[in-house]
């Protein structure tokens, strides 16, 4: 279990009790460390400043008690935002029907970056209806292994 996974396991239940879900835990930096906790509301509402403060307070106490990070670090709490990253397998079914941007670890059809409408995940396979582009005019539905995904995130749609 990685340090990020250990921290996520430690903070998930207490945050869920407050209606806050953990999207991602990421320890960044080599000299000056930053522990980023990305959150969302479990009721699908907008993350408020109060949610960030609550998360900060809960995580700070838990990390002070458990002390999983031996060096000094800065704690940063952020909202997942409109361009929310897709991290866990369940994210790919939860956001089926949404426009997404993915980056692969290795190129597929000569391209590492793809956009389209997420069809969901079945087993370990993610299906995306690829948006037409100059390179791929009529591609259709592409299938990618979950393990081949470097990064994935929602593409926000803005309504007037």
N, C-alpha and C. Protein backbone atom coordinates (compact mmCIF):
# COMPACT_ATOMS: atom_id res chain seq x y z
N UNK A 1 0.85 -1.18 0.00
CA UNK A 1 0.00 0.00 0.00
C UNK A 1 0.90 1.24 0.00
N UNK A 2 0.64 2.15 -0.93
CA UNK A 2 1.43 3.38 -1.01
C UNK A 2 1.07 4.32 0.14
N UNK A 3 1.90 5.32 0.34
CA UNK A 3 1.62 6.32 1.37
C UNK A 3 0.31 7.04 1.09
N UNK A 4 0.06 7.39 -0.16
CA UNK A 4 -1.20 8.04 -0.53
C UNK A 4 -2.41 7.17 -0.23
N UNK A 5 -2.29 5.88 -0.52
CA UNK A 5 -3.39 4.95 -0.24
C UNK A 5 -3.61 4.80 1.26
N UNK A 6 -2.53 4.79 2.04
CA UNK A 6 -2.66 4.70 3.50
C UNK A 6 -3.36 5.94 4.04
N UNK A 7 -2.98 7.11 3.55
CA UNK A 7 -3.60 8.35 4.01
C UNK A 7 -5.07 8.38 3.60
N UNK A 8 -5.37 7.98 2.37
CA UNK A 8 -6.76 7.95 1.91
C UNK A 8 -7.61 7.02 2.78
N UNK A 9 -7.08 5.85 3.11
CA UNK A 9 -7.80 4.90 3.96
C UNK A 9 -8.05 5.50 5.35
N UNK A 10 -7.11 6.27 5.83
CA UNK A 10 -7.21 6.88 7.15
C UNK A 10 -8.27 7.98 7.21
N UNK A 11 -8.40 8.76 6.14
CA UNK A 11 -9.28 9.94 6.18
C UNK A 11 -10.66 9.74 5.55
N UNK A 12 -10.84 8.69 4.77
CA UNK A 12 -12.09 8.51 4.02
C UNK A 12 -13.33 8.43 4.91
N UNK A 13 -13.36 7.53 5.87
CA UNK A 13 -14.56 7.35 6.70
C UNK A 13 -14.93 8.62 7.49
N UNK A 14 -13.99 9.26 8.17
CA UNK A 14 -14.36 10.48 8.89
C UNK A 14 -14.89 11.60 7.97
N UNK A 15 -14.36 11.68 6.75
CA UNK A 15 -14.85 12.70 5.82
C UNK A 15 -16.22 12.34 5.28
N UNK A 16 -16.44 11.05 5.00
CA UNK A 16 -17.76 10.62 4.53
C UNK A 16 -18.84 10.94 5.56
N UNK A 17 -18.50 10.85 6.85
CA UNK A 17 -19.45 11.20 7.91
C UNK A 17 -19.90 12.66 7.80
N UNK A 18 -19.09 13.49 7.15
CA UNK A 18 -19.41 14.92 6.96
C UNK A 18 -19.93 15.20 5.55
N UNK A 19 -20.17 14.13 4.77
CA UNK A 19 -20.71 14.30 3.42
C UNK A 19 -19.67 14.66 2.38
N UNK A 20 -18.41 14.38 2.71
CA UNK A 20 -17.30 14.74 1.82
C UNK A 20 -16.61 13.48 1.33
N UNK A 21 -16.43 13.37 0.01
CA UNK A 21 -15.74 12.23 -0.58
C UNK A 21 -14.33 12.61 -0.99
N UNK A 22 -13.43 11.64 -0.90
CA UNK A 22 -12.03 11.86 -1.30
C UNK A 22 -11.89 11.43 -2.77
N UNK A 23 -11.46 12.36 -3.61
CA UNK A 23 -11.23 12.07 -5.02
C UNK A 23 -9.81 11.57 -5.22
N UNK A 24 -8.85 12.29 -4.63
CA UNK A 24 -7.44 11.93 -4.81
C UNK A 24 -6.61 12.43 -3.64
N UNK A 25 -5.60 11.66 -3.26
CA UNK A 25 -4.59 12.05 -2.28
C UNK A 25 -3.26 12.00 -3.02
N UNK A 26 -2.53 13.12 -3.02
CA UNK A 26 -1.30 13.18 -3.79
C UNK A 26 -0.23 13.93 -3.00
N UNK A 27 0.89 13.26 -2.74
CA UNK A 27 2.03 13.90 -2.08
C UNK A 27 2.99 14.32 -3.18
N UNK A 28 3.17 15.64 -3.32
CA UNK A 28 3.96 16.21 -4.42
C UNK A 28 5.22 16.88 -3.89
N UNK A 29 6.22 16.98 -4.77
CA UNK A 29 7.45 17.70 -4.45
C UNK A 29 8.53 16.81 -3.88
N UNK A 30 9.77 17.21 -4.11
CA UNK A 30 10.89 16.44 -3.58
C UNK A 30 11.52 17.15 -2.39
N UNK A 31 11.77 18.45 -2.51
CA UNK A 31 12.36 19.20 -1.39
C UNK A 31 11.26 19.73 -0.46
N UNK A 32 10.35 20.49 -1.05
CA UNK A 32 9.24 21.08 -0.30
C UNK A 32 7.98 20.27 -0.63
N UNK A 33 7.52 19.45 0.31
CA UNK A 33 6.40 18.54 0.08
C UNK A 33 5.05 19.25 0.26
N UNK A 34 4.11 18.88 -0.60
CA UNK A 34 2.72 19.33 -0.48
C UNK A 34 1.83 18.10 -0.53
N UNK A 35 0.98 17.95 0.46
CA UNK A 35 -0.01 16.88 0.47
C UNK A 35 -1.32 17.48 -0.01
N UNK A 36 -1.72 17.09 -1.23
CA UNK A 36 -2.96 17.61 -1.80
C UNK A 36 -4.07 16.59 -1.59
N UNK A 37 -5.15 17.05 -0.97
CA UNK A 37 -6.36 16.25 -0.79
C UNK A 37 -7.42 16.88 -1.67
N UNK A 38 -7.88 16.14 -2.69
CA UNK A 38 -8.92 16.64 -3.58
C UNK A 38 -10.25 16.03 -3.15
N UNK A 39 -11.26 16.89 -2.97
CA UNK A 39 -12.53 16.42 -2.41
C UNK A 39 -13.71 16.77 -3.33
N UNK A 40 -14.85 16.11 -3.03
CA UNK A 40 -16.12 16.41 -3.67
C UNK A 40 -17.23 16.15 -2.66
N UNK A 41 -18.39 16.73 -2.89
CA UNK A 41 -19.55 16.46 -2.04
C UNK A 41 -20.16 15.14 -2.47
N UNK A 42 -20.53 14.27 -1.52
CA UNK A 42 -21.14 12.99 -1.89
C UNK A 42 -22.57 13.17 -2.38
N UNK A 43 -23.18 14.32 -2.05
CA UNK A 43 -24.53 14.61 -2.53
C UNK A 43 -24.51 15.30 -3.89
N UNK A 44 -23.34 15.36 -4.54
CA UNK A 44 -23.13 15.97 -5.85
C UNK A 44 -23.30 17.49 -5.84
N UNK A 45 -23.38 18.08 -4.66
CA UNK A 45 -23.44 19.55 -4.57
C UNK A 45 -22.06 20.15 -4.78
N UNK A 46 -22.01 21.46 -4.75
CA UNK A 46 -20.74 22.16 -4.91
C UNK A 46 -19.96 22.14 -3.60
N UNK A 47 -18.65 22.00 -3.72
CA UNK A 47 -17.77 22.05 -2.55
C UNK A 47 -17.69 23.50 -2.09
N UNK A 48 -17.92 23.72 -0.81
CA UNK A 48 -17.87 25.07 -0.25
C UNK A 48 -16.56 25.29 0.50
N UNK A 49 -16.31 26.54 0.84
CA UNK A 49 -15.14 26.86 1.65
C UNK A 49 -15.24 26.13 2.99
N UNK A 50 -16.45 26.02 3.52
CA UNK A 50 -16.67 25.31 4.77
C UNK A 50 -16.26 23.83 4.66
N UNK A 51 -16.55 23.20 3.50
CA UNK A 51 -16.15 21.81 3.27
C UNK A 51 -14.62 21.68 3.28
N UNK A 52 -13.95 22.65 2.68
CA UNK A 52 -12.48 22.63 2.64
C UNK A 52 -11.90 22.81 4.04
N UNK A 53 -12.50 23.71 4.82
CA UNK A 53 -12.03 23.95 6.19
C UNK A 53 -12.27 22.71 7.05
N UNK A 54 -13.45 22.10 6.92
CA UNK A 54 -13.77 20.88 7.67
C UNK A 54 -12.78 19.78 7.31
N UNK A 55 -12.51 19.61 6.02
CA UNK A 55 -11.56 18.60 5.57
C UNK A 55 -10.18 18.87 6.15
N UNK A 56 -9.74 20.11 6.06
CA UNK A 56 -8.43 20.50 6.59
C UNK A 56 -8.32 20.16 8.08
N UNK A 57 -9.36 20.51 8.83
CA UNK A 57 -9.34 20.27 10.28
C UNK A 57 -9.28 18.77 10.60
N UNK A 58 -10.12 17.98 9.92
CA UNK A 58 -10.17 16.53 10.18
C UNK A 58 -8.85 15.87 9.78
N UNK A 59 -8.37 16.19 8.58
CA UNK A 59 -7.14 15.58 8.08
C UNK A 59 -5.95 15.97 8.95
N UNK A 60 -5.88 17.23 9.36
CA UNK A 60 -4.77 17.69 10.20
C UNK A 60 -4.69 16.90 11.50
N UNK A 61 -5.83 16.72 12.14
CA UNK A 61 -5.85 15.97 13.41
C UNK A 61 -5.45 14.52 13.20
N UNK A 62 -6.03 13.88 12.17
CA UNK A 62 -5.71 12.48 11.91
C UNK A 62 -4.23 12.28 11.57
N UNK A 63 -3.68 13.18 10.78
CA UNK A 63 -2.27 13.05 10.40
C UNK A 63 -1.34 13.37 11.58
N UNK A 64 -1.77 14.27 12.46
CA UNK A 64 -0.96 14.55 13.66
C UNK A 64 -0.91 13.32 14.57
N UNK A 65 -2.03 12.62 14.67
CA UNK A 65 -2.09 11.43 15.54
C UNK A 65 -1.34 10.26 14.92
N UNK A 66 -1.62 9.96 13.66
CA UNK A 66 -1.01 8.80 12.97
C UNK A 66 0.41 9.07 12.50
N UNK A 67 0.70 10.30 12.12
CA UNK A 67 2.03 10.74 11.67
C UNK A 67 2.62 9.85 10.57
N UNK A 68 1.89 9.67 9.43
CA UNK A 68 2.40 8.80 8.36
C UNK A 68 3.49 9.45 7.50
N UNK A 69 3.61 10.79 7.57
CA UNK A 69 4.60 11.50 6.76
C UNK A 69 5.71 11.98 7.68
N UNK A 70 6.91 11.46 7.50
CA UNK A 70 8.01 11.73 8.42
C UNK A 70 8.63 13.12 8.25
N UNK A 71 8.50 13.70 7.07
CA UNK A 71 9.10 15.01 6.83
C UNK A 71 8.04 16.12 6.88
N UNK A 72 8.49 17.37 6.87
CA UNK A 72 7.54 18.47 6.90
C UNK A 72 6.83 18.58 5.54
N UNK A 73 5.61 19.07 5.56
CA UNK A 73 4.80 19.19 4.35
C UNK A 73 3.76 20.27 4.56
N UNK A 74 3.18 20.72 3.46
CA UNK A 74 2.07 21.66 3.48
C UNK A 74 0.82 20.90 3.07
N UNK A 75 -0.25 21.06 3.83
CA UNK A 75 -1.53 20.42 3.50
C UNK A 75 -2.34 21.37 2.64
N UNK A 76 -2.81 20.86 1.51
CA UNK A 76 -3.61 21.64 0.57
C UNK A 76 -4.90 20.87 0.29
N UNK A 77 -6.05 21.51 0.53
CA UNK A 77 -7.34 20.89 0.26
C UNK A 77 -7.97 21.63 -0.91
N UNK A 78 -8.37 20.86 -1.94
CA UNK A 78 -8.96 21.47 -3.13
C UNK A 78 -10.24 20.74 -3.53
N UNK A 79 -11.08 21.44 -4.26
CA UNK A 79 -12.26 20.86 -4.86
C UNK A 79 -11.84 20.12 -6.13
N UNK A 80 -12.57 19.09 -6.49
CA UNK A 80 -12.28 18.36 -7.72
C UNK A 80 -12.53 19.25 -8.94
N UNK A 81 -13.43 20.20 -8.83
CA UNK A 81 -13.68 21.16 -9.91
C UNK A 81 -14.51 20.59 -11.04
N UNK A 82 -14.77 21.45 -12.03
CA UNK A 82 -15.57 21.05 -13.18
C UNK A 82 -14.83 20.08 -14.09
N UNK A 83 -13.50 20.20 -14.13
CA UNK A 83 -12.71 19.29 -14.96
C UNK A 83 -12.12 18.18 -14.10
N UNK A 84 -12.98 17.62 -13.29
CA UNK A 84 -12.62 16.61 -12.31
C UNK A 84 -11.84 15.46 -12.93
N UNK A 85 -10.74 15.07 -12.29
CA UNK A 85 -10.01 13.91 -12.79
C UNK A 85 -10.78 12.61 -12.50
N UNK A 86 -10.63 11.66 -13.39
CA UNK A 86 -11.21 10.33 -13.21
C UNK A 86 -10.06 9.44 -12.73
N UNK A 87 -10.15 9.00 -11.50
CA UNK A 87 -9.04 8.29 -10.86
C UNK A 87 -9.34 6.81 -10.67
N UNK A 88 -10.49 6.55 -10.08
CA UNK A 88 -10.85 5.17 -9.71
C UNK A 88 -11.72 4.55 -10.80
N UNK A 89 -11.72 3.22 -10.84
CA UNK A 89 -12.52 2.53 -11.85
C UNK A 89 -13.98 2.96 -11.80
N UNK A 90 -14.53 3.11 -10.60
CA UNK A 90 -15.95 3.46 -10.49
C UNK A 90 -16.26 4.84 -11.08
N UNK A 91 -15.25 5.73 -11.16
CA UNK A 91 -15.44 7.04 -11.78
C UNK A 91 -15.86 6.91 -13.24
N UNK A 92 -15.32 5.88 -13.93
CA UNK A 92 -15.58 5.72 -15.36
C UNK A 92 -17.01 5.26 -15.65
N UNK A 93 -17.68 4.64 -14.70
CA UNK A 93 -19.10 4.32 -14.86
C UNK A 93 -19.97 5.46 -14.34
N UNK A 94 -19.56 6.05 -13.24
CA UNK A 94 -20.32 7.15 -12.64
C UNK A 94 -20.50 8.31 -13.62
N UNK A 95 -19.47 8.58 -14.43
CA UNK A 95 -19.53 9.72 -15.33
C UNK A 95 -19.77 9.32 -16.79
N UNK A 96 -20.30 8.10 -17.00
CA UNK A 96 -20.67 7.67 -18.35
C UNK A 96 -21.64 8.69 -18.94
N UNK A 97 -21.44 9.01 -20.21
CA UNK A 97 -22.27 10.01 -20.88
C UNK A 97 -21.64 11.39 -20.87
N UNK A 98 -20.56 11.56 -20.12
CA UNK A 98 -19.87 12.85 -20.03
C UNK A 98 -18.75 12.91 -21.06
N UNK A 99 -18.43 14.14 -21.47
CA UNK A 99 -17.28 14.34 -22.35
C UNK A 99 -16.01 14.24 -21.51
N UNK A 100 -15.01 13.51 -22.04
CA UNK A 100 -13.77 13.30 -21.32
C UNK A 100 -12.56 13.51 -22.21
N UNK A 101 -11.44 13.75 -21.55
CA UNK A 101 -10.15 13.83 -22.21
C UNK A 101 -9.27 12.81 -21.51
N UNK A 102 -8.63 11.95 -22.29
CA UNK A 102 -7.74 10.96 -21.69
C UNK A 102 -6.36 11.05 -22.33
N UNK A 103 -5.37 10.67 -21.54
CA UNK A 103 -4.01 10.57 -22.03
C UNK A 103 -3.53 9.16 -21.72
N UNK A 104 -3.03 8.50 -22.74
CA UNK A 104 -2.57 7.12 -22.60
C UNK A 104 -1.09 7.07 -22.25
N UNK A 105 -0.68 5.98 -21.64
CA UNK A 105 0.74 5.78 -21.32
C UNK A 105 1.54 5.56 -22.60
N UNK A 106 0.96 4.86 -23.56
CA UNK A 106 1.61 4.62 -24.85
C UNK A 106 0.61 4.96 -25.95
N UNK A 107 1.09 5.40 -27.11
CA UNK A 107 0.17 5.80 -28.19
C UNK A 107 -0.70 4.65 -28.70
N UNK A 108 -1.91 5.01 -29.08
CA UNK A 108 -2.85 4.11 -29.74
C UNK A 108 -3.21 4.80 -31.06
N UNK A 109 -3.06 4.09 -32.18
CA UNK A 109 -3.29 4.69 -33.50
C UNK A 109 -2.45 5.96 -33.68
N UNK A 110 -1.25 5.98 -33.08
CA UNK A 110 -0.33 7.10 -33.23
C UNK A 110 -0.60 8.29 -32.34
N UNK A 111 -1.56 8.17 -31.41
CA UNK A 111 -1.95 9.30 -30.56
C UNK A 111 -2.05 8.88 -29.10
N UNK A 112 -1.54 9.71 -28.21
CA UNK A 112 -1.67 9.45 -26.77
C UNK A 112 -2.87 10.17 -26.17
N UNK A 113 -3.31 11.27 -26.79
CA UNK A 113 -4.41 12.08 -26.23
C UNK A 113 -5.69 11.90 -27.06
N UNK A 114 -6.77 11.59 -26.35
CA UNK A 114 -8.06 11.33 -26.99
C UNK A 114 -9.16 12.09 -26.26
N UNK A 115 -10.20 12.46 -27.01
CA UNK A 115 -11.38 13.10 -26.43
C UNK A 115 -12.61 12.43 -26.99
N UNK A 116 -13.66 12.41 -26.19
CA UNK A 116 -14.91 11.85 -26.66
C UNK A 116 -15.90 11.72 -25.52
N UNK A 117 -16.95 10.97 -25.77
CA UNK A 117 -18.00 10.76 -24.76
C UNK A 117 -17.74 9.41 -24.11
N UNK A 118 -17.61 9.43 -22.80
CA UNK A 118 -17.35 8.22 -22.02
C UNK A 118 -18.56 7.30 -22.06
N UNK A 119 -18.34 6.05 -22.46
CA UNK A 119 -19.41 5.06 -22.50
C UNK A 119 -19.45 4.21 -21.23
N UNK A 120 -18.35 4.23 -20.47
CA UNK A 120 -18.31 3.48 -19.23
C UNK A 120 -17.17 2.47 -19.22
N UNK A 121 -17.17 1.66 -18.18
CA UNK A 121 -16.12 0.66 -17.97
C UNK A 121 -16.78 -0.69 -17.78
N UNK A 122 -16.26 -1.67 -18.47
CA UNK A 122 -16.74 -3.05 -18.31
C UNK A 122 -15.50 -3.90 -18.05
N UNK A 123 -15.44 -4.48 -16.85
CA UNK A 123 -14.25 -5.21 -16.45
C UNK A 123 -13.10 -4.23 -16.29
N UNK A 124 -12.09 -4.36 -17.12
CA UNK A 124 -10.96 -3.43 -17.11
C UNK A 124 -10.91 -2.58 -18.37
N UNK A 125 -11.97 -2.60 -19.17
CA UNK A 125 -11.97 -1.90 -20.45
C UNK A 125 -12.87 -0.66 -20.38
N UNK A 126 -12.26 0.47 -20.75
CA UNK A 126 -12.97 1.75 -20.81
C UNK A 126 -13.35 2.00 -22.26
N UNK A 127 -14.62 2.34 -22.49
CA UNK A 127 -15.10 2.62 -23.85
C UNK A 127 -15.39 4.11 -23.97
N UNK A 128 -14.88 4.69 -25.08
CA UNK A 128 -15.08 6.12 -25.34
C UNK A 128 -15.50 6.29 -26.79
N UNK A 129 -16.61 7.01 -27.00
CA UNK A 129 -17.04 7.36 -28.35
C UNK A 129 -16.18 8.56 -28.76
N UNK A 130 -15.24 8.33 -29.65
CA UNK A 130 -14.23 9.33 -29.99
C UNK A 130 -14.83 10.47 -30.81
N UNK A 131 -14.49 11.69 -30.40
CA UNK A 131 -14.93 12.88 -31.11
C UNK A 131 -14.18 12.95 -32.44
N UNK A 132 -14.88 13.34 -33.52
CA UNK A 132 -14.20 13.47 -34.81
C UNK A 132 -13.09 14.52 -34.74
N UNK A 133 -11.99 14.25 -35.42
CA UNK A 133 -10.88 15.20 -35.48
C UNK A 133 -10.23 15.08 -36.86
N UNK A 134 -9.29 15.96 -37.15
CA UNK A 134 -8.60 15.90 -38.44
C UNK A 134 -7.89 14.57 -38.61
N UNK A 135 -7.36 14.04 -37.53
CA UNK A 135 -6.61 12.78 -37.58
C UNK A 135 -7.54 11.55 -37.63
N UNK A 136 -8.68 11.66 -36.95
CA UNK A 136 -9.59 10.52 -36.82
C UNK A 136 -11.02 11.00 -37.12
N UNK A 137 -11.35 11.10 -38.42
CA UNK A 137 -12.65 11.65 -38.80
C UNK A 137 -13.83 10.80 -38.35
N UNK A 138 -13.78 9.53 -38.60
CA UNK A 138 -14.90 8.65 -38.26
C UNK A 138 -14.41 7.45 -37.46
N UNK A 139 -13.84 7.71 -36.31
CA UNK A 139 -13.23 6.63 -35.53
C UNK A 139 -14.26 5.72 -34.88
N UNK A 140 -15.25 6.29 -34.23
CA UNK A 140 -16.24 5.48 -33.53
C UNK A 140 -15.87 5.27 -32.08
N UNK A 141 -16.15 4.08 -31.57
CA UNK A 141 -15.88 3.79 -30.16
C UNK A 141 -14.51 3.13 -30.02
N UNK A 142 -13.70 3.69 -29.13
CA UNK A 142 -12.38 3.12 -28.84
C UNK A 142 -12.43 2.45 -27.48
N UNK A 143 -11.65 1.40 -27.33
CA UNK A 143 -11.56 0.67 -26.06
C UNK A 143 -10.13 0.74 -25.56
N UNK A 144 -9.99 1.11 -24.29
CA UNK A 144 -8.67 1.22 -23.66
C UNK A 144 -8.70 0.45 -22.35
N UNK A 145 -7.61 -0.23 -22.04
CA UNK A 145 -7.48 -0.90 -20.75
C UNK A 145 -7.30 0.16 -19.67
N UNK A 146 -7.92 -0.03 -18.53
CA UNK A 146 -7.78 0.91 -17.41
C UNK A 146 -6.30 1.14 -17.09
N UNK A 147 -5.50 0.09 -17.15
CA UNK A 147 -4.08 0.19 -16.83
C UNK A 147 -3.29 1.01 -17.85
N UNK A 148 -3.87 1.25 -19.04
CA UNK A 148 -3.20 2.04 -20.08
C UNK A 148 -3.44 3.54 -19.92
N UNK A 149 -4.31 3.93 -19.01
CA UNK A 149 -4.65 5.34 -18.84
C UNK A 149 -3.61 6.03 -17.97
N UNK A 150 -2.99 7.08 -18.51
CA UNK A 150 -2.06 7.91 -17.75
C UNK A 150 -2.85 8.93 -16.93
N UNK A 151 -3.77 9.65 -17.61
CA UNK A 151 -4.62 10.65 -16.97
C UNK A 151 -5.96 10.66 -17.68
N UNK A 152 -6.99 10.98 -16.93
CA UNK A 152 -8.32 11.15 -17.51
C UNK A 152 -9.05 12.22 -16.71
N UNK A 153 -9.81 13.05 -17.42
CA UNK A 153 -10.58 14.07 -16.72
C UNK A 153 -11.80 14.45 -17.53
N UNK A 154 -12.78 15.01 -16.83
CA UNK A 154 -13.99 15.48 -17.47
C UNK A 154 -13.69 16.75 -18.26
N UNK A 155 -14.42 16.95 -19.34
CA UNK A 155 -14.36 18.20 -20.07
C UNK A 155 -15.64 18.94 -19.69
N UNK A 156 -15.50 20.09 -19.02
CA UNK A 156 -16.70 20.81 -18.58
C UNK A 156 -17.54 21.31 -19.76
N UNK A 157 -18.84 21.28 -19.57
CA UNK A 157 -19.75 21.88 -20.54
C UNK A 157 -20.37 23.08 -19.85
N UNK A 158 -20.33 24.18 -20.54
CA UNK A 158 -20.84 25.43 -19.97
C UNK A 158 -22.14 25.79 -20.65
N UNK A 159 -23.15 26.03 -19.84
CA UNK A 159 -24.46 26.43 -20.40
C UNK A 159 -24.66 27.90 -20.13
N UNK A 160 -25.28 28.59 -21.10
CA UNK A 160 -25.53 30.03 -20.93
C UNK A 160 -26.63 30.27 -19.95
